[in-house]
Amino acid sequence: MFIARHYTAYANAATDYVSLNEAKQHLRVTSSSDDTYISGLIAMAVEACSNYLGYSIRKATARYGFDGFTGQPALVNPLNGTNIPSGNYLRLNTRCLAVTNVYYISDANAVTAYDSADWIASPEPMGLYSRNIFIETAPTLVTDDGIKYIVEVTEGFNPVGTSGVEPDTILPMTIKHAALLLIAQYYDNRQAIITGTIQSDMSFGFHYLLDPYKIQVLI
């Protein structure tokens, strides 16, 4: 089961997905006096959209940690009470562009790479939002710690205008516009409270734009 995620690198800056010029056009700002502030709002909006969706919008290298295989319930070793994994795959629910490495944590607590012949990633037709990693040969001894297996992936989207990639790996305009809506909201409201006005959510707004791309369940 998935229990943790760690990002080790990002291939692009937030402004590669929503440029300063695009944000200023959306805000109808012509002065450069707020450029630094607006750039910060871009980074905030891209991060907030990523948090809502459940994966990084920015193309990133991520490591997913698992406490065991998916599949049949773990058996219990009668000698020491530890779990003996009986499933044979790890399930990734993310915007996976590529699976790069699979590791296990040895009983000496060393991160150890599986040989490439020992694991198989499910084929791409399963979809870019889910990927199964089937383990051909599992180690007999792994750590007693929580994280026992790690899958390293490239996830997220390529920026708009990226050439030589498949179209569905490029950031959808709906996600980009959701980020612009968030930038505008925080540009106009610079306090944690709003006084003296009545406001309501816009129909077909932020959530409507993002929900089709959201990871619903992590298992």
N, C-alpha and C. Protein backbone atom coordinates (compact mmCIF):
# COMPACT_ATOMS: atom_id res chain seq x y z
N MET A 1 0.84 -1.19 0.00
CA MET A 1 0.00 0.00 0.00
C MET A 1 0.88 1.25 0.00
N PHE A 2 0.48 2.25 -0.79
CA PHE A 2 1.20 3.52 -0.83
C PHE A 2 1.09 4.24 0.50
N ILE A 3 2.23 4.71 1.02
CA ILE A 3 2.19 5.43 2.30
C ILE A 3 2.95 6.76 2.28
N ALA A 4 3.79 7.02 1.27
CA ALA A 4 4.57 8.25 1.30
C ALA A 4 5.06 8.60 -0.11
N ARG A 5 5.35 9.91 -0.31
CA ARG A 5 5.87 10.38 -1.60
C ARG A 5 6.92 11.45 -1.34
N HIS A 6 7.95 11.44 -2.16
CA HIS A 6 9.04 12.40 -2.01
C HIS A 6 9.48 12.85 -3.40
N TYR A 7 9.52 14.18 -3.61
CA TYR A 7 9.98 14.71 -4.90
C TYR A 7 11.48 15.00 -4.81
N THR A 8 12.23 14.51 -5.79
CA THR A 8 13.67 14.69 -5.78
C THR A 8 14.15 15.73 -6.79
N ALA A 9 13.34 16.05 -7.81
CA ALA A 9 13.76 17.03 -8.81
C ALA A 9 12.56 17.48 -9.63
N TYR A 10 12.63 18.72 -10.10
CA TYR A 10 11.63 19.26 -11.02
C TYR A 10 12.32 19.66 -12.32
N ALA A 11 11.69 19.33 -13.43
CA ALA A 11 12.29 19.62 -14.73
C ALA A 11 11.99 21.04 -15.20
N ASN A 12 10.96 21.66 -14.64
CA ASN A 12 10.53 22.97 -15.12
C ASN A 12 10.11 23.85 -13.94
N ALA A 13 10.20 25.16 -14.16
CA ALA A 13 9.72 26.12 -13.17
C ALA A 13 8.22 26.31 -13.34
N ALA A 14 7.57 26.84 -12.30
CA ALA A 14 6.13 27.09 -12.37
C ALA A 14 5.80 28.05 -13.52
N THR A 15 6.69 29.01 -13.77
CA THR A 15 6.44 29.99 -14.83
C THR A 15 6.59 29.41 -16.24
N ASP A 16 7.04 28.16 -16.34
CA ASP A 16 7.02 27.47 -17.64
C ASP A 16 5.61 26.99 -17.97
N TYR A 17 4.76 26.94 -16.96
CA TYR A 17 3.38 26.47 -17.15
C TYR A 17 2.39 27.64 -17.21
N VAL A 18 2.62 28.65 -16.39
CA VAL A 18 1.86 29.90 -16.46
C VAL A 18 2.89 31.01 -16.43
N SER A 19 3.06 31.70 -17.53
CA SER A 19 4.11 32.72 -17.60
C SER A 19 3.66 33.99 -16.88
N LEU A 20 4.64 34.81 -16.52
CA LEU A 20 4.32 36.10 -15.90
C LEU A 20 3.45 36.94 -16.82
N ASN A 21 3.75 36.94 -18.12
CA ASN A 21 2.97 37.73 -19.07
C ASN A 21 1.52 37.24 -19.13
N GLU A 22 1.33 35.91 -19.13
CA GLU A 22 -0.03 35.37 -19.16
C GLU A 22 -0.80 35.75 -17.91
N ALA A 23 -0.15 35.68 -16.76
CA ALA A 23 -0.82 36.04 -15.51
C ALA A 23 -1.19 37.52 -15.51
N LYS A 24 -0.31 38.38 -15.97
CA LYS A 24 -0.59 39.82 -16.00
C LYS A 24 -1.71 40.14 -16.97
N GLN A 25 -1.76 39.45 -18.11
CA GLN A 25 -2.87 39.65 -19.03
C GLN A 25 -4.19 39.25 -18.40
N HIS A 26 -4.18 38.13 -17.67
CA HIS A 26 -5.40 37.68 -17.00
C HIS A 26 -5.83 38.67 -15.92
N LEU A 27 -4.86 39.24 -15.22
CA LEU A 27 -5.15 40.21 -14.17
C LEU A 27 -5.40 41.63 -14.70
N ARG A 28 -5.14 41.81 -15.99
CA ARG A 28 -5.23 43.14 -16.62
C ARG A 28 -4.30 44.14 -15.94
N VAL A 29 -3.09 43.67 -15.69
CA VAL A 29 -2.05 44.49 -15.06
C VAL A 29 -1.03 44.85 -16.12
N THR A 30 -0.71 46.14 -16.23
CA THR A 30 0.28 46.59 -17.21
C THR A 30 1.58 47.07 -16.55
N SER A 31 1.51 47.43 -15.28
CA SER A 31 2.70 47.89 -14.57
C SER A 31 3.59 46.71 -14.22
N SER A 32 4.89 46.99 -14.06
CA SER A 32 5.84 45.96 -13.65
C SER A 32 6.10 45.98 -12.15
N SER A 33 5.43 46.86 -11.43
CA SER A 33 5.73 47.03 -10.00
C SER A 33 5.36 45.80 -9.18
N ASP A 34 4.41 45.01 -9.65
CA ASP A 34 3.98 43.82 -8.91
C ASP A 34 4.53 42.52 -9.51
N ASP A 35 5.51 42.61 -10.38
CA ASP A 35 5.99 41.41 -11.08
C ASP A 35 6.47 40.32 -10.12
N THR A 36 7.23 40.72 -9.11
CA THR A 36 7.75 39.73 -8.16
C THR A 36 6.61 39.09 -7.38
N TYR A 37 5.65 39.89 -6.97
CA TYR A 37 4.49 39.37 -6.23
C TYR A 37 3.68 38.41 -7.09
N ILE A 38 3.44 38.78 -8.33
CA ILE A 38 2.65 37.93 -9.23
C ILE A 38 3.40 36.63 -9.54
N SER A 39 4.71 36.70 -9.67
CA SER A 39 5.50 35.48 -9.88
C SER A 39 5.34 34.53 -8.71
N GLY A 40 5.29 35.09 -7.50
CA GLY A 40 5.05 34.25 -6.32
C GLY A 40 3.67 33.63 -6.34
N LEU A 41 2.68 34.39 -6.82
CA LEU A 41 1.32 33.84 -6.93
C LEU A 41 1.25 32.72 -7.96
N ILE A 42 2.03 32.82 -9.02
CA ILE A 42 2.07 31.74 -10.01
C ILE A 42 2.57 30.46 -9.37
N ALA A 43 3.68 30.56 -8.63
CA ALA A 43 4.23 29.37 -7.95
C ALA A 43 3.22 28.80 -6.97
N MET A 44 2.54 29.68 -6.22
CA MET A 44 1.52 29.24 -5.26
C MET A 44 0.38 28.53 -5.97
N ALA A 45 -0.10 29.09 -7.08
CA ALA A 45 -1.26 28.53 -7.77
C ALA A 45 -0.94 27.17 -8.38
N VAL A 46 0.24 27.04 -8.97
CA VAL A 46 0.63 25.75 -9.56
C VAL A 46 0.77 24.70 -8.46
N GLU A 47 1.33 25.09 -7.32
CA GLU A 47 1.47 24.16 -6.21
C GLU A 47 0.11 23.79 -5.63
N ALA A 48 -0.78 24.78 -5.50
CA ALA A 48 -2.11 24.51 -4.95
C ALA A 48 -2.92 23.59 -5.87
N CYS A 49 -2.83 23.80 -7.17
CA CYS A 49 -3.51 22.91 -8.11
C CYS A 49 -2.94 21.50 -8.01
N SER A 50 -1.61 21.40 -7.87
CA SER A 50 -0.98 20.08 -7.72
C SER A 50 -1.49 19.38 -6.47
N ASN A 51 -1.57 20.12 -5.36
CA ASN A 51 -2.06 19.53 -4.11
C ASN A 51 -3.49 19.04 -4.26
N TYR A 52 -4.30 19.81 -4.96
CA TYR A 52 -5.71 19.42 -5.15
C TYR A 52 -5.82 18.18 -6.03
N LEU A 53 -5.00 18.11 -7.07
CA LEU A 53 -5.08 16.99 -8.01
C LEU A 53 -4.48 15.70 -7.43
N GLY A 54 -3.50 15.84 -6.55
CA GLY A 54 -2.89 14.66 -5.95
C GLY A 54 -1.58 14.26 -6.59
N TYR A 55 -1.03 15.09 -7.46
CA TYR A 55 0.27 14.84 -8.10
C TYR A 55 0.82 16.17 -8.59
N SER A 56 2.09 16.17 -8.94
CA SER A 56 2.73 17.41 -9.39
C SER A 56 2.32 17.76 -10.82
N ILE A 57 1.86 18.98 -11.02
CA ILE A 57 1.61 19.47 -12.38
C ILE A 57 2.94 19.63 -13.11
N ARG A 58 3.92 20.21 -12.41
CA ARG A 58 5.25 20.36 -13.00
C ARG A 58 5.86 18.98 -13.22
N LYS A 59 6.50 18.80 -14.34
CA LYS A 59 7.17 17.53 -14.62
C LYS A 59 8.24 17.32 -13.55
N ALA A 60 8.15 16.17 -12.87
CA ALA A 60 8.99 15.96 -11.69
C ALA A 60 9.43 14.52 -11.59
N THR A 61 10.52 14.32 -10.87
CA THR A 61 10.94 12.98 -10.46
C THR A 61 10.43 12.76 -9.05
N ALA A 62 9.64 11.70 -8.87
CA ALA A 62 9.03 11.42 -7.57
C ALA A 62 9.33 9.99 -7.15
N ARG A 63 9.46 9.80 -5.85
CA ARG A 63 9.62 8.46 -5.30
C ARG A 63 8.41 8.15 -4.43
N TYR A 64 7.75 7.03 -4.74
CA TYR A 64 6.58 6.57 -4.00
C TYR A 64 6.97 5.40 -3.11
N GLY A 65 6.66 5.51 -1.82
CA GLY A 65 6.99 4.47 -0.87
C GLY A 65 5.79 3.60 -0.54
N PHE A 66 6.04 2.30 -0.41
CA PHE A 66 4.98 1.34 -0.12
C PHE A 66 5.39 0.48 1.07
N ASP A 67 4.39 0.08 1.86
CA ASP A 67 4.67 -0.78 3.01
C ASP A 67 4.48 -2.25 2.68
N GLY A 68 4.09 -2.55 1.46
CA GLY A 68 3.90 -3.94 1.06
C GLY A 68 3.32 -4.01 -0.34
N PHE A 69 3.22 -5.22 -0.86
CA PHE A 69 2.65 -5.42 -2.18
C PHE A 69 1.13 -5.34 -2.13
N THR A 70 0.55 -5.02 -3.27
CA THR A 70 -0.89 -5.11 -3.44
C THR A 70 -1.22 -6.53 -3.88
N GLY A 71 -2.39 -7.01 -3.50
CA GLY A 71 -2.76 -8.37 -3.87
C GLY A 71 -3.39 -9.08 -2.70
N GLN A 72 -3.06 -10.33 -2.53
CA GLN A 72 -3.62 -11.10 -1.42
C GLN A 72 -3.11 -10.57 -0.09
N PRO A 73 -3.89 -10.71 0.98
CA PRO A 73 -3.42 -10.26 2.30
C PRO A 73 -2.09 -10.91 2.67
N ALA A 74 -1.27 -10.18 3.38
CA ALA A 74 0.04 -10.71 3.78
C ALA A 74 -0.13 -11.88 4.75
N LEU A 75 0.72 -12.85 4.57
CA LEU A 75 0.78 -13.95 5.51
C LEU A 75 1.63 -13.54 6.71
N VAL A 76 1.46 -14.22 7.82
CA VAL A 76 2.21 -13.90 9.03
C VAL A 76 3.22 -15.01 9.30
N ASN A 77 4.47 -14.59 9.47
CA ASN A 77 5.52 -15.54 9.83
C ASN A 77 5.29 -16.02 11.26
N PRO A 78 5.05 -17.31 11.48
CA PRO A 78 4.74 -17.78 12.84
C PRO A 78 5.92 -17.69 13.80
N LEU A 79 7.13 -17.53 13.26
CA LEU A 79 8.31 -17.49 14.12
C LEU A 79 8.51 -16.13 14.77
N ASN A 80 8.27 -15.05 13.98
CA ASN A 80 8.52 -13.71 14.53
C ASN A 80 7.35 -12.75 14.38
N GLY A 81 6.26 -13.22 13.80
CA GLY A 81 5.08 -12.37 13.69
C GLY A 81 5.13 -11.33 12.60
N THR A 82 6.17 -11.32 11.79
CA THR A 82 6.27 -10.33 10.72
C THR A 82 5.47 -10.77 9.50
N ASN A 83 5.12 -9.79 8.66
CA ASN A 83 4.33 -10.09 7.47
C ASN A 83 5.21 -10.70 6.37
N ILE A 84 4.65 -11.69 5.71
CA ILE A 84 5.29 -12.27 4.52
C ILE A 84 4.46 -11.83 3.33
N PRO A 85 4.97 -10.97 2.44
CA PRO A 85 4.15 -10.48 1.33
C PRO A 85 3.75 -11.61 0.40
N SER A 86 2.46 -11.63 0.02
CA SER A 86 1.99 -12.67 -0.87
C SER A 86 1.44 -12.10 -2.17
N GLY A 87 1.27 -10.78 -2.25
CA GLY A 87 0.92 -10.15 -3.51
C GLY A 87 2.17 -10.01 -4.36
N ASN A 88 2.03 -9.47 -5.56
CA ASN A 88 3.23 -9.35 -6.40
C ASN A 88 3.28 -8.06 -7.20
N TYR A 89 2.47 -7.06 -6.82
CA TYR A 89 2.57 -5.82 -7.57
C TYR A 89 2.36 -4.60 -6.67
N LEU A 90 2.84 -3.46 -7.18
CA LEU A 90 2.69 -2.17 -6.51
C LEU A 90 1.85 -1.28 -7.41
N ARG A 91 0.86 -0.64 -6.84
CA ARG A 91 -0.05 0.17 -7.65
C ARG A 91 0.23 1.66 -7.46
N LEU A 92 0.49 2.33 -8.58
CA LEU A 92 0.73 3.77 -8.59
C LEU A 92 -0.50 4.47 -9.13
N ASN A 93 -1.06 5.40 -8.37
CA ASN A 93 -2.12 6.26 -8.86
C ASN A 93 -1.57 7.67 -8.95
N THR A 94 -1.09 8.04 -10.13
CA THR A 94 -0.52 9.36 -10.34
C THR A 94 -0.52 9.65 -11.83
N ARG A 95 -0.13 10.86 -12.20
CA ARG A 95 -0.01 11.23 -13.61
C ARG A 95 1.36 10.77 -14.09
N CYS A 96 1.47 9.47 -14.31
CA CYS A 96 2.77 8.84 -14.56
C CYS A 96 3.16 8.95 -16.03
N LEU A 97 4.29 9.61 -16.28
CA LEU A 97 4.84 9.68 -17.63
C LEU A 97 5.78 8.52 -17.91
N ALA A 98 6.52 8.08 -16.89
CA ALA A 98 7.46 6.96 -17.07
C ALA A 98 7.84 6.40 -15.70
N VAL A 99 8.03 5.10 -15.64
CA VAL A 99 8.59 4.45 -14.47
C VAL A 99 10.08 4.26 -14.72
N THR A 100 10.92 4.79 -13.83
CA THR A 100 12.36 4.79 -14.09
C THR A 100 13.12 3.76 -13.26
N ASN A 101 12.72 3.57 -11.99
CA ASN A 101 13.43 2.62 -11.13
C ASN A 101 12.49 2.04 -10.09
N VAL A 102 12.82 0.82 -9.64
CA VAL A 102 12.09 0.19 -8.55
C VAL A 102 13.12 -0.30 -7.53
N TYR A 103 12.86 -0.02 -6.25
CA TYR A 103 13.80 -0.37 -5.19
C TYR A 103 13.09 -1.14 -4.08
N TYR A 104 13.86 -1.87 -3.30
CA TYR A 104 13.37 -2.40 -2.04
C TYR A 104 14.36 -1.99 -0.95
N ILE A 105 13.89 -1.96 0.30
CA ILE A 105 14.73 -1.64 1.44
C ILE A 105 15.14 -2.96 2.09
N SER A 106 16.41 -3.25 2.08
CA SER A 106 16.90 -4.54 2.58
C SER A 106 16.75 -4.62 4.09
N ASP A 107 16.99 -5.82 4.64
CA ASP A 107 16.92 -5.98 6.08
C ASP A 107 18.03 -5.24 6.79
N ALA A 108 19.03 -4.75 6.02
CA ALA A 108 20.07 -3.88 6.57
C ALA A 108 19.73 -2.41 6.39
N ASN A 109 18.47 -2.14 5.97
CA ASN A 109 17.97 -0.77 5.74
C ASN A 109 18.73 -0.04 4.64
N ALA A 110 19.17 -0.76 3.63
CA ALA A 110 19.84 -0.17 2.47
C ALA A 110 18.87 -0.13 1.29
N VAL A 111 18.80 1.03 0.64
CA VAL A 111 17.97 1.16 -0.57
C VAL A 111 18.66 0.40 -1.69
N THR A 112 17.99 -0.63 -2.20
CA THR A 112 18.59 -1.54 -3.17
C THR A 112 17.74 -1.58 -4.43
N ALA A 113 18.36 -1.37 -5.57
CA ALA A 113 17.62 -1.35 -6.84
C ALA A 113 17.32 -2.77 -7.31
N TYR A 114 16.09 -2.98 -7.74
CA TYR A 114 15.76 -4.22 -8.43
C TYR A 114 16.47 -4.23 -9.77
N ASP A 115 16.88 -5.39 -10.21
CA ASP A 115 17.36 -5.54 -11.58
C ASP A 115 16.19 -5.28 -12.53
N SER A 116 16.48 -4.68 -13.67
CA SER A 116 15.41 -4.32 -14.61
C SER A 116 14.61 -5.54 -15.07
N ALA A 117 15.21 -6.73 -14.99
CA ALA A 117 14.51 -7.95 -15.39
C ALA A 117 13.56 -8.45 -14.30
N ASP A 118 13.62 -7.83 -13.11
CA ASP A 118 12.82 -8.32 -11.99
C ASP A 118 11.49 -7.59 -11.83
N TRP A 119 11.22 -6.60 -12.68
CA TRP A 119 9.93 -5.90 -12.59
C TRP A 119 9.45 -5.50 -13.97
N ILE A 120 8.13 -5.39 -14.09
CA ILE A 120 7.48 -5.02 -15.36
C ILE A 120 6.43 -3.98 -15.05
N ALA A 121 6.44 -2.86 -15.77
CA ALA A 121 5.40 -1.84 -15.63
C ALA A 121 4.24 -2.20 -16.56
N SER A 122 3.03 -1.97 -16.08
CA SER A 122 1.86 -2.24 -16.90
C SER A 122 1.91 -1.38 -18.16
N PRO A 123 1.35 -1.85 -19.26
CA PRO A 123 1.42 -1.12 -20.52
C PRO A 123 0.68 0.21 -20.45
N GLU A 124 1.09 1.14 -21.29
CA GLU A 124 0.52 2.48 -21.29
C GLU A 124 -0.98 2.52 -21.53
N PRO A 125 -1.57 1.57 -22.33
CA PRO A 125 -3.03 1.65 -22.52
C PRO A 125 -3.85 1.62 -21.25
N MET A 126 -3.24 1.18 -20.11
CA MET A 126 -3.96 1.22 -18.84
C MET A 126 -4.29 2.65 -18.45
N GLY A 127 -3.56 3.61 -19.00
CA GLY A 127 -3.84 5.00 -18.71
C GLY A 127 -2.71 5.69 -17.98
N LEU A 128 -2.58 7.00 -18.21
CA LEU A 128 -1.50 7.77 -17.60
C LEU A 128 -1.78 8.10 -16.14
N TYR A 129 -2.97 7.76 -15.63
CA TYR A 129 -3.31 8.10 -14.26
C TYR A 129 -3.21 6.90 -13.33
N SER A 130 -2.72 5.80 -13.82
CA SER A 130 -2.55 4.63 -12.97
C SER A 130 -1.56 3.69 -13.63
N ARG A 131 -0.74 3.08 -12.82
CA ARG A 131 0.25 2.14 -13.37
C ARG A 131 0.55 1.07 -12.33
N ASN A 132 0.54 -0.18 -12.74
CA ASN A 132 0.91 -1.28 -11.87
C ASN A 132 2.34 -1.71 -12.16
N ILE A 133 3.10 -1.99 -11.12
CA ILE A 133 4.46 -2.50 -11.24
C ILE A 133 4.45 -3.95 -10.75
N PHE A 134 4.63 -4.88 -11.65
CA PHE A 134 4.62 -6.29 -11.30
C PHE A 134 6.04 -6.75 -10.98
N ILE A 135 6.19 -7.37 -9.83
CA ILE A 135 7.49 -7.84 -9.36
C ILE A 135 7.67 -9.30 -9.74
N GLU A 136 8.70 -9.56 -10.51
CA GLU A 136 8.97 -10.94 -10.94
C GLU A 136 9.66 -11.74 -9.84
N THR A 137 10.65 -11.13 -9.18
CA THR A 137 11.40 -11.82 -8.14
C THR A 137 11.50 -10.90 -6.92
N ALA A 138 10.89 -11.30 -5.82
CA ALA A 138 10.89 -10.48 -4.61
C ALA A 138 11.98 -10.95 -3.66
N PRO A 139 12.62 -10.02 -2.93
CA PRO A 139 13.64 -10.42 -1.95
C PRO A 139 12.98 -11.17 -0.79
N THR A 140 13.71 -12.08 -0.22
CA THR A 140 13.17 -12.85 0.90
C THR A 140 13.20 -12.07 2.21
N LEU A 141 14.13 -11.11 2.32
CA LEU A 141 14.24 -10.33 3.55
C LEU A 141 14.20 -8.85 3.21
N VAL A 142 13.30 -8.12 3.87
CA VAL A 142 13.23 -6.67 3.71
C VAL A 142 13.18 -6.04 5.10
N THR A 143 13.30 -4.73 5.13
CA THR A 143 13.33 -4.00 6.39
C THR A 143 12.04 -4.19 7.19
N ASP A 144 12.14 -3.99 8.49
CA ASP A 144 10.95 -3.97 9.35
C ASP A 144 10.34 -2.58 9.41
N ASP A 145 11.00 -1.62 8.80
CA ASP A 145 10.50 -0.24 8.80
C ASP A 145 9.24 -0.13 7.95
N GLY A 146 8.60 1.05 8.01
CA GLY A 146 7.33 1.23 7.32
C GLY A 146 7.43 1.12 5.81
N ILE A 147 8.41 1.83 5.23
CA ILE A 147 8.57 1.81 3.78
C ILE A 147 9.49 0.66 3.38
N LYS A 148 8.95 -0.25 2.59
CA LYS A 148 9.70 -1.44 2.19
C LYS A 148 10.04 -1.44 0.70
N TYR A 149 9.25 -0.71 -0.10
CA TYR A 149 9.45 -0.69 -1.55
C TYR A 149 9.30 0.75 -2.04
N ILE A 150 10.11 1.12 -3.02
CA ILE A 150 10.09 2.47 -3.58
C ILE A 150 10.01 2.37 -5.10
N VAL A 151 9.11 3.14 -5.68
CA VAL A 151 9.01 3.24 -7.13
C VAL A 151 9.32 4.67 -7.53
N GLU A 152 10.29 4.83 -8.42
CA GLU A 152 10.68 6.17 -8.89
C GLU A 152 10.07 6.40 -10.26
N VAL A 153 9.38 7.52 -10.40
CA VAL A 153 8.67 7.82 -11.66
C VAL A 153 8.93 9.25 -12.09
N THR A 154 8.66 9.50 -13.36
CA THR A 154 8.51 10.86 -13.87
C THR A 154 7.02 11.12 -13.98
N GLU A 155 6.54 12.17 -13.33
CA GLU A 155 5.11 12.45 -13.34
C GLU A 155 4.85 13.91 -13.70
N GLY A 156 3.58 14.22 -13.98
CA GLY A 156 3.19 15.58 -14.28
C GLY A 156 2.91 15.81 -15.74
N PHE A 157 3.11 17.04 -16.18
CA PHE A 157 2.83 17.43 -17.57
C PHE A 157 4.04 18.16 -18.16
N ASN A 158 4.14 18.08 -19.46
CA ASN A 158 5.07 18.94 -20.18
C ASN A 158 4.41 20.30 -20.38
N PRO A 159 5.20 21.39 -20.38
CA PRO A 159 4.61 22.71 -20.61
C PRO A 159 3.98 22.82 -21.99
N VAL A 160 3.02 23.71 -22.11
CA VAL A 160 2.40 23.99 -23.42
C VAL A 160 3.49 24.47 -24.38
N GLY A 161 3.47 23.93 -25.58
CA GLY A 161 4.47 24.30 -26.57
C GLY A 161 5.62 23.33 -26.68
N THR A 162 5.67 22.33 -25.78
CA THR A 162 6.73 21.32 -25.85
C THR A 162 6.58 20.51 -27.13
N SER A 163 7.65 20.37 -27.87
CA SER A 163 7.60 19.64 -29.15
C SER A 163 8.15 18.24 -28.97
N GLY A 164 7.74 17.34 -29.88
CA GLY A 164 8.26 15.99 -29.88
C GLY A 164 7.71 15.09 -28.78
N VAL A 165 6.56 15.46 -28.18
CA VAL A 165 5.94 14.63 -27.15
C VAL A 165 4.48 14.37 -27.54
N GLU A 166 3.89 13.36 -26.94
CA GLU A 166 2.50 13.06 -27.22
C GLU A 166 1.59 14.17 -26.67
N PRO A 167 0.52 14.51 -27.39
CA PRO A 167 -0.33 15.64 -26.99
C PRO A 167 -0.91 15.52 -25.59
N ASP A 168 -1.25 14.29 -25.15
CA ASP A 168 -1.87 14.17 -23.83
C ASP A 168 -0.88 14.24 -22.69
N THR A 169 0.40 14.46 -22.99
CA THR A 169 1.38 14.70 -21.93
C THR A 169 1.58 16.20 -21.69
N ILE A 170 0.92 17.04 -22.47
CA ILE A 170 1.05 18.49 -22.36
C ILE A 170 -0.03 19.03 -21.42
N LEU A 171 0.31 20.03 -20.62
CA LEU A 171 -0.62 20.61 -19.65
C LEU A 171 -1.93 21.02 -20.33
N PRO A 172 -3.07 20.48 -19.87
CA PRO A 172 -4.36 20.90 -20.43
C PRO A 172 -4.66 22.36 -20.12
N MET A 173 -5.32 23.02 -21.04
CA MET A 173 -5.65 24.42 -20.84
C MET A 173 -6.63 24.61 -19.68
N THR A 174 -7.43 23.59 -19.38
CA THR A 174 -8.35 23.72 -18.26
C THR A 174 -7.61 23.84 -16.93
N ILE A 175 -6.53 23.07 -16.76
CA ILE A 175 -5.72 23.19 -15.54
C ILE A 175 -5.02 24.54 -15.50
N LYS A 176 -4.53 24.97 -16.63
CA LYS A 176 -3.85 26.28 -16.70
C LYS A 176 -4.81 27.40 -16.32
N HIS A 177 -6.05 27.31 -16.80
CA HIS A 177 -7.00 28.39 -16.48
C HIS A 177 -7.42 28.33 -15.01
N ALA A 178 -7.49 27.12 -14.44
CA ALA A 178 -7.77 27.02 -13.01
C ALA A 178 -6.70 27.74 -12.20
N ALA A 179 -5.43 27.58 -12.60
CA ALA A 179 -4.34 28.28 -11.92
C ALA A 179 -4.50 29.78 -12.06
N LEU A 180 -4.90 30.24 -13.24
CA LEU A 180 -5.10 31.68 -13.46
C LEU A 180 -6.23 32.22 -12.57
N LEU A 181 -7.31 31.44 -12.42
CA LEU A 181 -8.40 31.86 -11.53
C LEU A 181 -7.90 32.02 -10.10
N LEU A 182 -7.05 31.10 -9.66
CA LEU A 182 -6.53 31.17 -8.30
C LEU A 182 -5.59 32.36 -8.13
N ILE A 183 -4.78 32.63 -9.15
CA ILE A 183 -3.90 33.79 -9.11
C ILE A 183 -4.71 35.07 -8.95
N ALA A 184 -5.79 35.17 -9.72
CA ALA A 184 -6.63 36.37 -9.64
C ALA A 184 -7.30 36.50 -8.28
N GLN A 185 -7.75 35.38 -7.73
CA GLN A 185 -8.41 35.42 -6.42
C GLN A 185 -7.47 35.96 -5.34
N TYR A 186 -6.23 35.48 -5.34
CA TYR A 186 -5.29 35.90 -4.30
C TYR A 186 -4.66 37.26 -4.60
N TYR A 187 -4.65 37.66 -5.85
CA TYR A 187 -4.16 39.00 -6.18
C TYR A 187 -5.14 40.06 -5.66
N ASP A 188 -6.43 39.76 -5.78
CA ASP A 188 -7.45 40.72 -5.35
C ASP A 188 -7.73 40.65 -3.85
N ASN A 189 -7.39 39.52 -3.21
CA ASN A 189 -7.68 39.35 -1.78
C ASN A 189 -6.37 39.03 -1.06
N ARG A 190 -5.86 40.01 -0.33
CA ARG A 190 -4.54 39.86 0.28
C ARG A 190 -4.60 39.69 1.79
N GLN A 191 -5.77 39.32 2.28
CA GLN A 191 -5.92 39.03 3.71
C GLN A 191 -6.60 37.68 3.86
N ALA A 192 -6.50 37.13 5.07
CA ALA A 192 -7.12 35.83 5.35
C ALA A 192 -8.62 35.94 5.55
N ILE A 193 -9.14 37.18 5.70
CA ILE A 193 -10.57 37.39 5.88
C ILE A 193 -11.06 38.40 4.86
N ILE A 194 -12.35 38.32 4.54
CA ILE A 194 -12.99 39.28 3.64
C ILE A 194 -14.13 39.91 4.42
N THR A 195 -14.17 41.25 4.47
CA THR A 195 -15.15 41.96 5.27
C THR A 195 -16.05 42.81 4.37
N GLY A 196 -17.36 42.76 4.64
CA GLY A 196 -18.28 43.68 4.01
C GLY A 196 -18.72 43.33 2.61
N THR A 197 -18.51 42.11 2.16
CA THR A 197 -18.96 41.73 0.83
C THR A 197 -19.62 40.36 0.89
N ILE A 198 -20.49 40.10 -0.06
CA ILE A 198 -21.12 38.79 -0.20
C ILE A 198 -20.54 38.13 -1.44
N GLN A 199 -19.95 36.96 -1.27
CA GLN A 199 -19.32 36.27 -2.39
C GLN A 199 -19.83 34.85 -2.49
N SER A 200 -19.76 34.29 -3.67
CA SER A 200 -20.13 32.89 -3.88
C SER A 200 -19.22 32.31 -4.95
N ASP A 201 -19.11 31.00 -4.94
CA ASP A 201 -18.27 30.33 -5.94
C ASP A 201 -18.86 30.52 -7.33
N MET A 202 -17.98 30.68 -8.31
CA MET A 202 -18.40 30.81 -9.70
C MET A 202 -18.79 29.44 -10.25
N SER A 203 -19.90 29.37 -10.95
CA SER A 203 -20.28 28.12 -11.60
C SER A 203 -19.23 27.74 -12.63
N PHE A 204 -18.97 26.45 -12.75
CA PHE A 204 -17.98 25.95 -13.70
C PHE A 204 -16.62 26.62 -13.48
N GLY A 205 -16.25 26.74 -12.21
CA GLY A 205 -15.02 27.43 -11.84
C GLY A 205 -13.87 26.49 -11.56
N PHE A 206 -13.11 26.81 -10.49
CA PHE A 206 -11.86 26.13 -10.16
C PHE A 206 -12.01 24.62 -10.09
N HIS A 207 -12.96 24.14 -9.28
CA HIS A 207 -13.12 22.71 -9.08
C HIS A 207 -13.61 22.02 -10.36
N TYR A 208 -14.51 22.68 -11.05
CA TYR A 208 -15.03 22.10 -12.30
C TYR A 208 -13.91 21.88 -13.31
N LEU A 209 -12.97 22.81 -13.36
CA LEU A 209 -11.86 22.69 -14.32
C LEU A 209 -10.88 21.60 -13.92
N LEU A 210 -10.67 21.40 -12.61
CA LEU A 210 -9.65 20.46 -12.14
C LEU A 210 -10.15 19.04 -11.92
N ASP A 211 -11.41 18.89 -11.55
CA ASP A 211 -11.90 17.57 -11.12
C ASP A 211 -11.67 16.43 -12.12
N PRO A 212 -11.77 16.66 -13.44
CA PRO A 212 -11.53 15.53 -14.37
C PRO A 212 -10.11 14.98 -14.31
N TYR A 213 -9.17 15.73 -13.75
CA TYR A 213 -7.76 15.32 -13.72
C TYR A 213 -7.32 14.90 -12.32
N LYS A 214 -8.27 14.83 -11.39
CA LYS A 214 -7.93 14.60 -9.98
C LYS A 214 -7.74 13.10 -9.70
N ILE A 215 -6.74 12.79 -8.88
CA ILE A 215 -6.59 11.43 -8.38
C ILE A 215 -7.59 11.25 -7.25
N GLN A 216 -8.50 10.29 -7.40
CA GLN A 216 -9.56 10.13 -6.42
C GLN A 216 -9.11 9.31 -5.21
N VAL A 217 -8.36 8.25 -5.44
CA VAL A 217 -8.00 7.34 -4.37
C VAL A 217 -6.55 6.92 -4.55
N LEU A 218 -5.78 6.89 -3.46
CA LEU A 218 -4.43 6.35 -3.48
C LEU A 218 -4.41 5.05 -2.71
N ILE A 219 -4.17 3.93 -3.40
CA ILE A 219 -4.15 2.64 -2.74
C ILE A 219 -2.93 1.87 -3.18
